[in-house]
N, C-alpha and C. Protein backbone atom coordinates (compact mmCIF):
# COMPACT_ATOMS: atom_id res chain seq x y z
N MET A 1 162.29 90.58 73.32
CA MET A 1 162.70 91.05 74.63
C MET A 1 161.53 91.70 75.37
N MET A 2 160.74 92.47 74.61
CA MET A 2 159.61 93.18 75.20
C MET A 2 158.54 92.19 75.67
N ILE A 3 158.33 91.14 74.88
CA ILE A 3 157.32 90.13 75.24
C ILE A 3 157.74 89.38 76.49
N MET A 4 159.03 89.12 76.60
CA MET A 4 159.54 88.39 77.76
C MET A 4 159.33 89.18 79.05
N SER A 5 159.55 90.49 79.00
CA SER A 5 159.38 91.29 80.22
C SER A 5 157.89 91.40 80.58
N ALA A 6 157.00 91.40 79.56
CA ALA A 6 155.57 91.43 79.83
C ALA A 6 155.13 90.13 80.48
N LEU A 7 155.68 89.01 80.01
CA LEU A 7 155.34 87.72 80.62
C LEU A 7 155.85 87.63 82.05
N LEU A 8 157.03 88.19 82.30
CA LEU A 8 157.58 88.17 83.64
C LEU A 8 156.73 88.98 84.62
N ILE A 9 156.00 89.95 84.10
CA ILE A 9 155.11 90.73 84.96
C ILE A 9 153.77 90.02 85.13
N LEU A 10 153.24 89.43 84.05
CA LEU A 10 151.91 88.81 84.08
C LEU A 10 151.87 87.50 84.86
N VAL A 11 152.92 86.69 84.75
CA VAL A 11 152.91 85.38 85.41
C VAL A 11 152.78 85.50 86.93
N PRO A 12 153.54 86.35 87.61
CA PRO A 12 153.32 86.45 89.07
C PRO A 12 151.95 87.01 89.44
N MET A 13 151.41 87.91 88.59
CA MET A 13 150.07 88.43 88.87
C MET A 13 149.03 87.33 88.80
N ILE A 14 149.12 86.48 87.77
CA ILE A 14 148.17 85.38 87.62
C ILE A 14 148.32 84.37 88.75
N ILE A 15 149.56 84.06 89.12
CA ILE A 15 149.80 83.12 90.21
C ILE A 15 149.24 83.66 91.52
N THR A 16 149.43 84.95 91.77
CA THR A 16 148.90 85.56 93.00
C THR A 16 147.37 85.53 93.00
N ALA A 17 146.75 85.77 91.85
CA ALA A 17 145.29 85.75 91.78
C ALA A 17 144.76 84.34 92.04
N ILE A 18 145.39 83.34 91.42
CA ILE A 18 144.95 81.96 91.63
C ILE A 18 145.18 81.54 93.07
N LYS A 19 146.31 81.94 93.64
CA LYS A 19 146.62 81.61 95.03
C LYS A 19 145.58 82.23 95.98
N GLY A 20 145.23 83.49 95.73
CA GLY A 20 144.22 84.14 96.55
C GLY A 20 142.87 83.47 96.42
N LEU A 21 142.53 83.02 95.21
CA LEU A 21 141.26 82.33 94.99
C LEU A 21 141.24 80.98 95.71
N LEU A 22 142.35 80.25 95.63
CA LEU A 22 142.40 78.95 96.29
C LEU A 22 142.45 79.07 97.80
N MET A 23 143.01 80.15 98.32
CA MET A 23 143.09 80.32 99.77
C MET A 23 141.70 80.59 100.38
N GLN A 24 140.77 81.10 99.57
CA GLN A 24 139.42 81.29 100.09
C GLN A 24 138.73 79.97 100.33
N ILE A 25 139.10 78.96 99.54
CA ILE A 25 138.50 77.64 99.71
C ILE A 25 139.30 76.79 100.68
N GLY A 26 140.59 77.04 100.75
CA GLY A 26 141.49 76.21 101.53
C GLY A 26 141.56 76.59 103.00
N PRO A 27 142.77 76.57 103.59
CA PRO A 27 142.93 76.75 105.04
C PRO A 27 142.62 78.18 105.51
N GLN A 28 142.68 79.17 104.65
CA GLN A 28 142.42 80.55 105.05
C GLN A 28 140.94 80.92 104.94
N TYR A 29 140.09 79.94 104.67
CA TYR A 29 138.67 80.17 104.46
C TYR A 29 138.01 80.71 105.72
N ASP A 30 137.22 81.77 105.57
CA ASP A 30 136.50 82.36 106.69
C ASP A 30 135.02 82.01 106.55
N PRO A 31 134.55 81.02 107.27
CA PRO A 31 133.16 80.59 107.08
C PRO A 31 132.14 81.65 107.52
N LEU A 32 132.50 82.47 108.48
CA LEU A 32 131.54 83.47 108.96
C LEU A 32 131.22 84.48 107.86
N PHE A 33 132.25 84.92 107.14
CA PHE A 33 132.01 85.88 106.06
C PHE A 33 131.13 85.27 104.99
N TYR A 34 131.41 84.02 104.63
CA TYR A 34 130.63 83.34 103.60
C TYR A 34 129.18 83.17 104.05
N ASP A 35 128.98 82.71 105.27
CA ASP A 35 127.62 82.49 105.78
C ASP A 35 126.84 83.78 105.85
N VAL A 36 127.46 84.83 106.35
CA VAL A 36 126.77 86.10 106.47
C VAL A 36 126.39 86.65 105.10
N SER A 37 127.28 86.52 104.13
CA SER A 37 126.96 87.02 102.79
C SER A 37 125.82 86.23 102.17
N ILE A 38 125.79 84.92 102.40
CA ILE A 38 124.68 84.10 101.90
C ILE A 38 123.38 84.50 102.58
N TYR A 39 123.40 84.74 103.88
CA TYR A 39 122.19 85.13 104.61
C TYR A 39 121.68 86.48 104.12
N ILE A 40 122.58 87.42 103.89
CA ILE A 40 122.16 88.74 103.42
C ILE A 40 121.55 88.63 102.03
N PHE A 41 122.18 87.87 101.16
CA PHE A 41 121.66 87.70 99.80
C PHE A 41 120.30 87.00 99.83
N GLY A 42 120.17 85.97 100.66
CA GLY A 42 118.89 85.28 100.78
C GLY A 42 117.79 86.17 101.32
N THR A 43 118.14 87.01 102.28
CA THR A 43 117.15 87.95 102.84
C THR A 43 116.70 88.95 101.78
N MET A 44 117.63 89.43 100.98
CA MET A 44 117.25 90.36 99.91
C MET A 44 116.35 89.68 98.89
N LEU A 45 116.65 88.45 98.52
CA LEU A 45 115.81 87.72 97.58
C LEU A 45 114.41 87.50 98.15
N PHE A 46 114.34 87.13 99.43
CA PHE A 46 113.04 86.92 100.06
C PHE A 46 112.24 88.21 100.13
N ALA A 47 112.92 89.35 100.41
CA ALA A 47 112.23 90.64 100.47
C ALA A 47 111.66 91.00 99.10
N VAL A 48 112.41 90.78 98.04
CA VAL A 48 111.92 91.07 96.70
C VAL A 48 110.73 90.17 96.37
N PHE A 49 110.81 88.89 96.74
CA PHE A 49 109.70 87.97 96.50
C PHE A 49 108.46 88.41 97.27
N LEU A 50 108.64 88.78 98.54
CA LEU A 50 107.50 89.19 99.36
C LEU A 50 106.87 90.47 98.82
N LEU A 51 107.68 91.43 98.41
CA LEU A 51 107.13 92.67 97.84
C LEU A 51 106.40 92.41 96.52
N SER A 52 106.89 91.47 95.74
CA SER A 52 106.20 91.16 94.49
C SER A 52 104.86 90.48 94.75
N VAL A 53 104.79 89.62 95.77
CA VAL A 53 103.51 88.99 96.13
C VAL A 53 102.53 90.04 96.62
N ILE A 54 102.99 90.97 97.46
CA ILE A 54 102.12 92.03 97.96
C ILE A 54 101.64 92.92 96.82
N ALA A 55 102.54 93.27 95.90
CA ALA A 55 102.16 94.12 94.76
C ALA A 55 101.15 93.41 93.86
N PHE A 56 101.34 92.11 93.65
CA PHE A 56 100.39 91.35 92.84
C PHE A 56 99.02 91.31 93.50
N TYR A 57 98.99 91.09 94.82
CA TYR A 57 97.72 91.03 95.53
C TYR A 57 97.00 92.38 95.47
N LEU A 58 97.75 93.47 95.69
CA LEU A 58 97.14 94.80 95.64
C LEU A 58 96.65 95.12 94.23
N ARG A 59 97.38 94.65 93.23
CA ARG A 59 96.96 94.89 91.85
C ARG A 59 95.68 94.15 91.53
N ARG A 60 95.55 92.92 92.05
CA ARG A 60 94.36 92.12 91.76
C ARG A 60 93.15 92.55 92.59
N LYS A 61 93.35 92.74 93.88
CA LYS A 61 92.23 92.96 94.79
C LYS A 61 91.99 94.42 95.13
N GLY A 62 93.00 95.25 95.07
CA GLY A 62 92.86 96.63 95.50
C GLY A 62 93.07 96.71 97.01
N LEU A 63 93.11 97.93 97.51
CA LEU A 63 93.40 98.11 98.93
C LEU A 63 92.26 97.65 99.82
N GLY A 64 91.03 97.97 99.46
CA GLY A 64 89.91 97.64 100.34
C GLY A 64 89.16 96.40 99.95
N GLY A 65 89.62 95.68 98.98
CA GLY A 65 88.88 94.51 98.52
C GLY A 65 87.85 94.90 97.48
N GLY A 66 87.04 93.93 97.05
CA GLY A 66 86.06 94.17 96.00
C GLY A 66 84.92 95.07 96.42
N ALA A 67 84.45 94.93 97.66
CA ALA A 67 83.29 95.70 98.11
C ALA A 67 83.59 97.20 98.15
N ALA A 68 84.77 97.56 98.62
CA ALA A 68 85.12 98.98 98.70
C ALA A 68 85.25 99.57 97.30
N LYS A 69 85.78 98.81 96.36
CA LYS A 69 85.93 99.30 94.99
C LYS A 69 84.56 99.50 94.35
N GLU A 70 83.64 98.56 94.56
CA GLU A 70 82.30 98.69 94.00
C GLU A 70 81.57 99.87 94.62
N LYS A 71 81.71 100.06 95.92
CA LYS A 71 81.06 101.19 96.59
C LYS A 71 81.60 102.51 96.04
N TRP A 72 82.89 102.60 95.84
CA TRP A 72 83.50 103.82 95.29
C TRP A 72 82.99 104.08 93.88
N MET A 73 82.86 103.02 93.08
CA MET A 73 82.38 103.20 91.71
C MET A 73 80.93 103.66 91.69
N THR A 74 80.09 103.13 92.57
CA THR A 74 78.68 103.57 92.60
C THR A 74 78.58 105.02 93.05
N GLU A 75 79.41 105.41 94.04
CA GLU A 75 79.40 106.82 94.46
C GLU A 75 79.86 107.73 93.33
N LEU A 76 80.85 107.31 92.58
CA LEU A 76 81.34 108.10 91.47
C LEU A 76 80.28 108.22 90.37
N GLU A 77 79.60 107.12 90.07
CA GLU A 77 78.53 107.17 89.05
C GLU A 77 77.39 108.07 89.49
N ARG A 78 77.03 107.99 90.77
CA ARG A 78 75.97 108.85 91.30
C ARG A 78 76.37 110.32 91.18
N TYR A 79 77.62 110.65 91.47
CA TYR A 79 78.10 112.02 91.35
C TYR A 79 78.06 112.49 89.90
N PHE A 80 78.48 111.61 88.97
CA PHE A 80 78.45 111.97 87.55
C PHE A 80 77.02 112.23 87.07
N GLU A 81 76.08 111.39 87.54
CA GLU A 81 74.68 111.59 87.15
C GLU A 81 74.12 112.88 87.73
N ARG A 82 74.45 113.16 88.98
CA ARG A 82 73.93 114.37 89.62
C ARG A 82 74.48 115.62 88.95
N GLU A 83 75.77 115.62 88.63
CA GLU A 83 76.39 116.80 88.01
C GLU A 83 76.29 116.77 86.50
N GLN A 84 75.73 115.71 85.95
CA GLN A 84 75.57 115.51 84.50
C GLN A 84 76.91 115.64 83.78
N ILE A 85 77.90 114.96 84.32
CA ILE A 85 79.23 114.93 83.71
C ILE A 85 79.28 113.76 82.74
N GLY A 86 79.72 114.02 81.54
CA GLY A 86 79.85 112.96 80.56
C GLY A 86 78.57 112.64 79.84
N GLN A 87 77.51 113.41 80.08
CA GLN A 87 76.24 113.18 79.40
C GLN A 87 76.24 113.86 78.03
N ILE A 88 75.43 113.35 77.14
CA ILE A 88 75.26 113.98 75.82
C ILE A 88 74.34 115.18 76.01
N PRO A 89 74.73 116.35 75.50
CA PRO A 89 73.88 117.55 75.68
C PRO A 89 72.53 117.39 74.98
N ASP A 90 71.50 117.88 75.61
CA ASP A 90 70.16 117.84 75.03
C ASP A 90 69.63 119.26 74.85
N GLU A 91 68.33 119.38 74.52
CA GLU A 91 67.77 120.70 74.25
C GLU A 91 67.62 121.55 75.50
N LYS A 92 67.49 120.90 76.67
CA LYS A 92 67.26 121.66 77.90
C LYS A 92 68.50 122.45 78.31
N HIS A 93 69.65 121.83 78.19
CA HIS A 93 70.86 122.48 78.69
C HIS A 93 71.70 122.97 77.53
N HIS A 94 72.08 124.23 77.59
CA HIS A 94 72.95 124.81 76.57
C HIS A 94 74.20 125.30 77.28
N TRP A 95 75.28 124.55 77.13
CA TRP A 95 76.51 124.92 77.84
C TRP A 95 77.29 125.91 77.04
């Protein structure tokens, strides 16, 4: 008896769900909602793709390109040599 009442509740729920699913494809179909959702999803995918391309380019080349990175490295090396940072201590300097 208990199983029968559970089936009587579940069967209309399943029928309503299938009917609602079929109505989206059938005569009640709203093409504007479908098109807009596809456009929004496509735009999000394109934005993620574009950001990944930009991130890859910045990772490979850096912000200023190769010349700016080399110039920065030479300035940094010159500063390290002038301040004697990272040098092995010798007899002249006792820190």
